[in-house]
Structures are given as C-alpha cells and as structure tokens.
C-alpha cells in the first residue's frame, strides 16, 4: 500500500515504483522575473588625416568598422576607439 502525501497543487504517492507526482503541476506557478535587457553602449571612433579629424558614433562595432574602412580608403588613419559611459537600459 502506498503512502500519500498531500501538498498544494497535488500529491506525492510514496511506496510506488516511481514516487510520481500526481495532480496539478506546480513547477511554474512562481516563474522568475524576466531578466533586464542588455545594456546598449555607444562607441566613438576617431580617425585623422594630417590636421583633419573625423569622428563617428554608433551602437554596433560593425558600423564603426565600416566607417573606418571607408575612411582608410580616403587616406585617414585610426586614432582611437572609446566607449562612452552612457549604457542605456
């Protein structure tokens, strides 16, 4: 004979071959809150040719790499890449 243990949302029957849980599933009754969205950083790239400087800001590296390659074709050289401290949520 199996022993029955009641709990909120179902029961556990011990003594059976599987110790199965019967009744309403309670596993997702209290789901975890959604994680916060990842921060979106803004980056600034500076290139220079002689006394002429050019800057670009973007939130993706792909856009800045594309800008840098285009400016390199025009004779500019890479000076610096910096992350601006305005991570948005």
N, C-alpha and C. Protein backbone atom coordinates (compact mmCIF):
# COMPACT_ATOMS: atom_id res chain seq x y z
N UNK A 1 0.84 -1.17 0.00
CA UNK A 1 0.00 0.00 0.00
C UNK A 1 0.89 1.23 0.00
N UNK A 2 0.54 2.21 -0.81
CA UNK A 2 1.37 3.40 -0.90
C UNK A 2 0.90 4.46 0.08
N UNK A 3 1.85 5.24 0.56
CA UNK A 3 1.55 6.34 1.45
C UNK A 3 1.35 7.59 0.61
N UNK A 4 0.34 8.38 0.91
CA UNK A 4 0.02 9.57 0.13
C UNK A 4 0.35 10.80 0.95
N UNK A 5 1.12 11.74 0.34
CA UNK A 5 1.46 12.99 0.98
C UNK A 5 0.84 14.10 0.15
N UNK A 6 -0.04 14.89 0.73
CA UNK A 6 -0.70 15.98 0.03
C UNK A 6 0.13 17.26 0.14
N UNK A 7 0.12 18.05 -0.90
CA UNK A 7 0.74 19.36 -0.88
C UNK A 7 -0.08 20.26 -1.78
N UNK A 8 0.19 21.52 -1.72
CA UNK A 8 -0.56 22.49 -2.50
C UNK A 8 -0.40 22.19 -3.99
N UNK A 9 -1.47 21.84 -4.64
CA UNK A 9 -1.45 21.61 -6.08
C UNK A 9 -1.36 20.15 -6.46
N UNK A 10 -1.27 19.23 -5.53
CA UNK A 10 -1.19 17.83 -5.92
C UNK A 10 -0.86 16.95 -4.75
N UNK A 11 -0.31 15.79 -5.04
CA UNK A 11 0.06 14.85 -4.00
C UNK A 11 1.24 14.02 -4.48
N UNK A 12 1.99 13.50 -3.54
CA UNK A 12 3.09 12.59 -3.85
C UNK A 12 2.71 11.24 -3.25
N UNK A 13 2.80 10.23 -4.05
CA UNK A 13 2.50 8.88 -3.56
C UNK A 13 3.82 8.15 -3.40
N UNK A 14 4.22 7.91 -2.18
CA UNK A 14 5.46 7.19 -1.95
C UNK A 14 5.14 5.72 -1.76
N UNK A 15 6.13 4.90 -1.98
CA UNK A 15 5.92 3.47 -1.86
C UNK A 15 5.62 2.84 -3.20
N UNK A 16 5.30 3.66 -4.20
CA UNK A 16 5.09 3.12 -5.53
C UNK A 16 6.44 3.02 -6.22
N UNK A 17 6.46 2.40 -7.35
CA UNK A 17 7.72 2.17 -8.06
C UNK A 17 8.39 3.47 -8.50
N UNK A 18 7.61 4.51 -8.80
CA UNK A 18 8.22 5.71 -9.37
C UNK A 18 8.19 6.94 -8.47
N UNK A 19 7.51 6.88 -7.32
CA UNK A 19 7.34 8.07 -6.47
C UNK A 19 6.85 9.24 -7.30
N UNK A 20 5.89 9.02 -8.12
CA UNK A 20 5.39 10.01 -9.07
C UNK A 20 4.60 11.10 -8.37
N UNK A 21 4.54 12.24 -9.03
CA UNK A 21 3.76 13.37 -8.55
C UNK A 21 2.46 13.38 -9.35
N UNK A 22 1.35 13.46 -8.66
CA UNK A 22 0.04 13.47 -9.31
C UNK A 22 -0.67 14.77 -8.96
N UNK A 23 -1.51 15.22 -9.85
CA UNK A 23 -2.29 16.42 -9.57
C UNK A 23 -1.81 17.58 -10.42
N UNK A 24 -2.18 18.78 -10.01
CA UNK A 24 -1.83 19.98 -10.75
C UNK A 24 -0.32 20.21 -10.67
N UNK A 25 0.28 20.52 -11.80
CA UNK A 25 1.72 20.81 -11.80
C UNK A 25 1.96 22.18 -11.16
N UNK A 26 2.90 22.23 -10.26
CA UNK A 26 3.18 23.47 -9.56
C UNK A 26 4.55 24.04 -9.93
N UNK A 27 5.22 23.45 -10.88
CA UNK A 27 6.61 23.82 -11.17
C UNK A 27 6.72 25.25 -11.67
N UNK A 28 5.75 25.74 -12.42
CA UNK A 28 5.85 27.09 -12.99
C UNK A 28 4.87 28.07 -12.34
N UNK A 29 4.44 27.76 -11.15
CA UNK A 29 3.47 28.64 -10.51
C UNK A 29 4.08 29.99 -10.17
N UNK A 30 5.33 30.03 -9.79
CA UNK A 30 6.01 31.28 -9.46
C UNK A 30 7.20 31.46 -10.40
N UNK A 31 6.94 31.85 -11.65
CA UNK A 31 8.06 31.98 -12.60
C UNK A 31 8.99 33.11 -12.20
N UNK A 32 10.24 32.98 -12.61
CA UNK A 32 11.22 34.03 -12.33
C UNK A 32 10.91 35.26 -13.16
N UNK A 33 11.24 36.44 -12.65
CA UNK A 33 11.00 37.65 -13.45
C UNK A 33 11.92 37.65 -14.67
N UNK A 34 11.50 38.33 -15.72
CA UNK A 34 12.31 38.42 -16.91
C UNK A 34 13.60 39.18 -16.60
N UNK A 35 14.71 38.74 -17.19
CA UNK A 35 15.96 39.47 -16.93
C UNK A 35 15.91 40.84 -17.58
N UNK A 36 16.66 41.79 -17.02
CA UNK A 36 16.68 43.13 -17.63
C UNK A 36 17.33 43.05 -19.01
N UNK A 37 16.93 43.94 -19.92
CA UNK A 37 17.55 43.92 -21.24
C UNK A 37 19.03 44.27 -21.14
N UNK A 38 19.83 43.78 -22.07
CA UNK A 38 21.26 44.09 -22.01
C UNK A 38 21.49 45.58 -22.24
N UNK A 39 22.59 46.08 -21.67
CA UNK A 39 22.93 47.48 -21.86
C UNK A 39 23.33 47.71 -23.31
N UNK A 40 22.97 48.87 -23.82
CA UNK A 40 23.36 49.28 -25.17
C UNK A 40 24.39 50.39 -25.01
N UNK A 41 25.62 50.10 -25.41
CA UNK A 41 26.68 51.06 -25.28
C UNK A 41 26.86 51.83 -26.58
N UNK A 42 27.33 53.04 -26.46
CA UNK A 42 27.66 53.86 -27.63
C UNK A 42 29.18 53.97 -27.71
N UNK A 43 29.70 53.75 -28.90
CA UNK A 43 31.14 53.81 -29.13
C UNK A 43 31.47 54.97 -30.06
N UNK A 44 32.65 55.56 -29.85
CA UNK A 44 33.09 56.66 -30.69
C UNK A 44 34.45 56.31 -31.30
N UNK A 45 34.54 56.42 -32.62
CA UNK A 45 35.76 56.14 -33.35
C UNK A 45 36.31 57.44 -33.91
N UNK A 46 37.61 57.66 -33.73
CA UNK A 46 38.25 58.86 -34.24
C UNK A 46 39.33 58.45 -35.24
N UNK A 47 39.33 59.10 -36.41
CA UNK A 47 40.36 58.90 -37.42
C UNK A 47 40.93 60.27 -37.77
N UNK A 48 42.14 60.27 -38.36
CA UNK A 48 42.79 61.54 -38.64
C UNK A 48 43.61 61.43 -39.92
N UNK A 49 43.62 62.55 -40.64
CA UNK A 49 44.49 62.69 -41.82
C UNK A 49 45.10 64.08 -41.72
N UNK A 50 46.39 64.14 -41.40
CA UNK A 50 47.03 65.44 -41.19
C UNK A 50 46.38 66.15 -40.02
N UNK A 51 45.87 67.38 -40.26
CA UNK A 51 45.18 68.13 -39.22
C UNK A 51 43.67 67.89 -39.22
N UNK A 52 43.20 67.12 -40.18
CA UNK A 52 41.77 66.87 -40.30
C UNK A 52 41.38 65.61 -39.53
N UNK A 53 40.43 65.76 -38.60
CA UNK A 53 39.93 64.63 -37.82
C UNK A 53 38.49 64.36 -38.20
N UNK A 54 38.10 63.10 -38.11
CA UNK A 54 36.71 62.70 -38.33
C UNK A 54 36.32 61.75 -37.20
N UNK A 55 35.07 61.88 -36.73
CA UNK A 55 34.58 61.03 -35.66
C UNK A 55 33.25 60.44 -36.06
N UNK A 56 33.00 59.24 -35.57
CA UNK A 56 31.70 58.59 -35.79
C UNK A 56 31.29 57.93 -34.49
N UNK A 57 29.99 57.95 -34.19
CA UNK A 57 29.47 57.25 -33.03
C UNK A 57 28.43 56.25 -33.52
N UNK A 58 28.39 55.10 -32.84
CA UNK A 58 27.43 54.05 -33.20
C UNK A 58 27.27 53.11 -32.02
N UNK A 59 26.23 52.30 -32.08
CA UNK A 59 26.00 51.32 -31.02
C UNK A 59 26.48 49.93 -31.43
N UNK A 60 26.96 49.77 -32.66
CA UNK A 60 27.49 48.47 -33.10
C UNK A 60 28.90 48.64 -33.64
N UNK A 61 29.71 47.63 -33.43
CA UNK A 61 31.07 47.65 -33.95
C UNK A 61 31.09 47.53 -35.47
N UNK A 62 30.12 46.82 -36.02
CA UNK A 62 30.08 46.65 -37.47
C UNK A 62 30.00 48.00 -38.19
N UNK A 63 29.19 48.91 -37.67
CA UNK A 63 29.05 50.23 -38.29
C UNK A 63 30.36 51.00 -38.19
N UNK A 64 31.04 50.90 -37.06
CA UNK A 64 32.30 51.62 -36.91
C UNK A 64 33.42 51.03 -37.76
N UNK A 65 33.42 49.72 -37.89
CA UNK A 65 34.42 49.08 -38.75
C UNK A 65 34.21 49.50 -40.20
N UNK A 66 32.96 49.55 -40.62
CA UNK A 66 32.65 50.00 -41.98
C UNK A 66 33.11 51.44 -42.19
N UNK A 67 32.85 52.30 -41.22
CA UNK A 67 33.29 53.71 -41.30
C UNK A 67 34.82 53.78 -41.38
N UNK A 68 35.49 53.02 -40.54
CA UNK A 68 36.95 53.06 -40.51
C UNK A 68 37.54 52.59 -41.84
N UNK A 69 36.97 51.55 -42.43
CA UNK A 69 37.45 51.06 -43.72
C UNK A 69 37.24 52.09 -44.82
N UNK A 70 36.09 52.77 -44.80
CA UNK A 70 35.84 53.81 -45.80
C UNK A 70 36.82 54.97 -45.63
N UNK A 71 37.08 55.36 -44.40
CA UNK A 71 38.00 56.47 -44.15
C UNK A 71 39.44 56.08 -44.48
N UNK A 72 39.79 54.81 -44.28
CA UNK A 72 41.13 54.34 -44.63
C UNK A 72 41.35 54.46 -46.13
N UNK A 73 40.30 54.18 -46.92
CA UNK A 73 40.38 54.32 -48.38
C UNK A 73 40.63 55.78 -48.78
N UNK A 74 40.19 56.71 -47.95
CA UNK A 74 40.39 58.14 -48.22
C UNK A 74 41.70 58.66 -47.64
N UNK A 75 42.50 57.80 -47.03
CA UNK A 75 43.80 58.21 -46.51
C UNK A 75 43.84 58.54 -45.03
N UNK A 76 42.73 58.34 -44.31
CA UNK A 76 42.70 58.60 -42.87
C UNK A 76 43.30 57.41 -42.13
N UNK A 77 43.83 57.67 -40.95
CA UNK A 77 44.34 56.57 -40.14
C UNK A 77 43.63 56.54 -38.80
N UNK A 78 43.53 55.35 -38.25
CA UNK A 78 42.85 55.13 -36.97
C UNK A 78 43.60 55.85 -35.85
N UNK A 79 42.86 56.57 -35.00
CA UNK A 79 43.45 57.24 -33.85
C UNK A 79 43.02 56.56 -32.55
N UNK A 80 41.70 56.49 -32.31
CA UNK A 80 41.24 55.84 -31.08
C UNK A 80 39.79 55.40 -31.19
N UNK A 81 39.46 54.42 -30.36
CA UNK A 81 38.10 53.92 -30.22
C UNK A 81 37.79 53.96 -28.73
N UNK A 82 36.67 54.57 -28.37
CA UNK A 82 36.31 54.65 -26.96
C UNK A 82 34.84 54.34 -26.74
N UNK A 83 34.57 53.76 -25.58
CA UNK A 83 33.18 53.50 -25.20
C UNK A 83 32.70 54.65 -24.35
N UNK A 84 31.60 55.24 -24.74
CA UNK A 84 31.03 56.35 -23.99
C UNK A 84 30.28 55.78 -22.78
N UNK A 85 30.31 56.48 -21.67
CA UNK A 85 29.71 55.98 -20.43
C UNK A 85 28.23 56.32 -20.32
N UNK A 86 27.47 55.89 -21.29
CA UNK A 86 26.03 56.14 -21.22
C UNK A 86 25.25 54.86 -21.55
N UNK A 87 25.64 53.76 -20.92
CA UNK A 87 24.94 52.50 -21.16
C UNK A 87 23.47 52.64 -20.85
N UNK A 88 22.66 52.48 -21.87
CA UNK A 88 21.21 52.62 -21.70
C UNK A 88 20.62 51.27 -21.34
N UNK A 89 19.48 51.30 -20.68
CA UNK A 89 18.81 50.05 -20.31
C UNK A 89 17.66 49.80 -21.25
